[in-house]
Amino acid sequence: LFSVELSADVDKIKEICASNQIEILWTSSKHNLAKAVKKWPIVSAIAILDYSGAEDAYNAAIQTLANFMACCRIADHVDQPSFFA
């Protein structure tokens, strides 16, 4: 029951972010996220509330996300030979 409620809450947050053009970046683990932001030992979530002064880094992160998602879409169809013809 708790996991269903948590899932619903996460879905609401994702919808709110999408409707406000707020990107969500996912990592594979709390440890990887902690390494990325140079914190120890783990980090569960981060938020960038104002990225002024870091537009280049923000745009690079968004471009990396877009490239990753494009690769995921291609990988989802790698079993279709006609896709690469």
Protein backbone atom coordinates (compact mmCIF):
# COMPACT_ATOMS: atom_id res chain seq x y z
CA LEU A 1 0.00 0.00 0.00
CA PHE A 2 2.83 2.41 0.89
CA SER A 3 4.64 1.75 -2.39
CA VAL A 4 1.45 2.44 -4.35
CA GLU A 5 1.04 5.79 -2.58
CA LEU A 6 4.71 6.62 -3.11
CA SER A 7 4.44 5.75 -6.79
CA ALA A 8 1.38 7.99 -7.12
CA ASP A 9 3.24 10.85 -5.39
CA VAL A 10 6.23 10.43 -7.71
CA ASP A 11 3.91 10.44 -10.72
CA LYS A 12 2.32 13.69 -9.49
CA ILE A 13 5.75 15.30 -9.10
CA LYS A 14 6.73 14.16 -12.61
CA GLU A 15 3.50 15.63 -14.04
CA ILE A 16 4.04 18.95 -12.25
CA CYS A 17 7.62 19.12 -13.52
CA ALA A 18 6.56 18.28 -17.08
CA SER A 19 3.81 20.91 -17.07
CA ASN A 20 6.34 23.54 -15.91
CA GLN A 21 9.07 22.46 -18.37
CA ILE A 22 11.30 21.27 -15.50
CA GLU A 23 13.70 18.53 -16.54
CA ILE A 24 14.24 15.50 -14.32
CA LEU A 25 17.60 13.74 -14.46
CA TRP A 26 17.77 10.19 -13.07
CA THR A 27 20.84 8.39 -11.74
CA SER A 28 21.35 4.70 -11.19
CA SER A 29 22.08 5.00 -7.49
CA LYS A 30 22.31 7.35 -4.53
CA HIS A 31 26.05 6.71 -4.44
CA ASN A 32 26.46 7.83 -8.08
CA LEU A 33 24.46 10.96 -7.35
CA ALA A 34 26.64 11.69 -4.32
CA LYS A 35 29.78 11.29 -6.43
CA ALA A 36 28.39 13.62 -9.09
CA VAL A 37 27.82 16.41 -6.55
CA LYS A 38 30.95 15.54 -4.51
CA LYS A 39 29.07 14.70 -1.30
CA TRP A 40 29.51 11.77 1.05
CA PRO A 41 28.23 9.11 1.64
CA ILE A 42 24.90 9.24 -0.24
CA VAL A 43 22.53 11.81 -1.68
CA SER A 44 18.88 11.00 -2.35
CA ALA A 45 17.90 14.03 -4.42
CA ILE A 46 19.09 17.44 -5.51
CA ALA A 47 17.30 20.41 -6.98
CA ILE A 48 18.65 23.33 -8.96
CA LEU A 49 16.43 26.25 -8.09
CA ASP A 50 18.38 28.94 -9.91
CA TYR A 51 21.03 28.07 -12.44
CA SER A 52 21.94 31.62 -13.47
CA GLY A 53 25.68 31.78 -13.83
CA ALA A 54 25.80 28.10 -14.74
CA GLU A 55 23.82 28.16 -17.98
CA ASP A 56 26.56 26.41 -19.96
CA ALA A 57 26.79 23.53 -17.47
CA TYR A 58 22.99 23.28 -17.30
CA ASN A 59 22.65 23.24 -21.09
CA ALA A 60 25.39 20.59 -21.31
CA ALA A 61 23.55 18.43 -18.75
CA ILE A 62 20.28 18.77 -20.67
CA GLN A 63 22.04 17.91 -23.96
CA THR A 64 23.65 14.86 -22.32
CA LEU A 65 20.20 13.78 -21.12
CA ALA A 66 18.76 14.22 -24.62
CA ASN A 67 21.61 12.19 -26.15
CA PHE A 68 21.17 9.46 -23.54
CA MET A 69 17.41 9.27 -24.15
CA ALA A 70 18.02 9.05 -27.92
CA CYS A 71 20.42 6.15 -27.36
CA CYS A 72 17.84 4.45 -25.15
CA ARG A 73 15.21 4.74 -27.87
CA ILE A 74 17.63 3.22 -30.42
CA ALA A 75 18.60 0.44 -27.99
CA ASP A 76 14.92 -0.37 -27.49
CA HIS A 77 14.69 -1.20 -31.21
CA VAL A 78 18.07 -2.83 -31.81
CA ASP A 79 16.29 -6.16 -32.42
CA GLN A 80 14.62 -4.69 -35.52
CA PRO A 81 17.10 -5.13 -38.42
CA SER A 82 15.13 -2.81 -40.71
CA PHE A 83 15.73 0.04 -38.25
CA PHE A 84 19.40 0.13 -39.22
CA ALA A 85 18.97 -0.58 -42.95
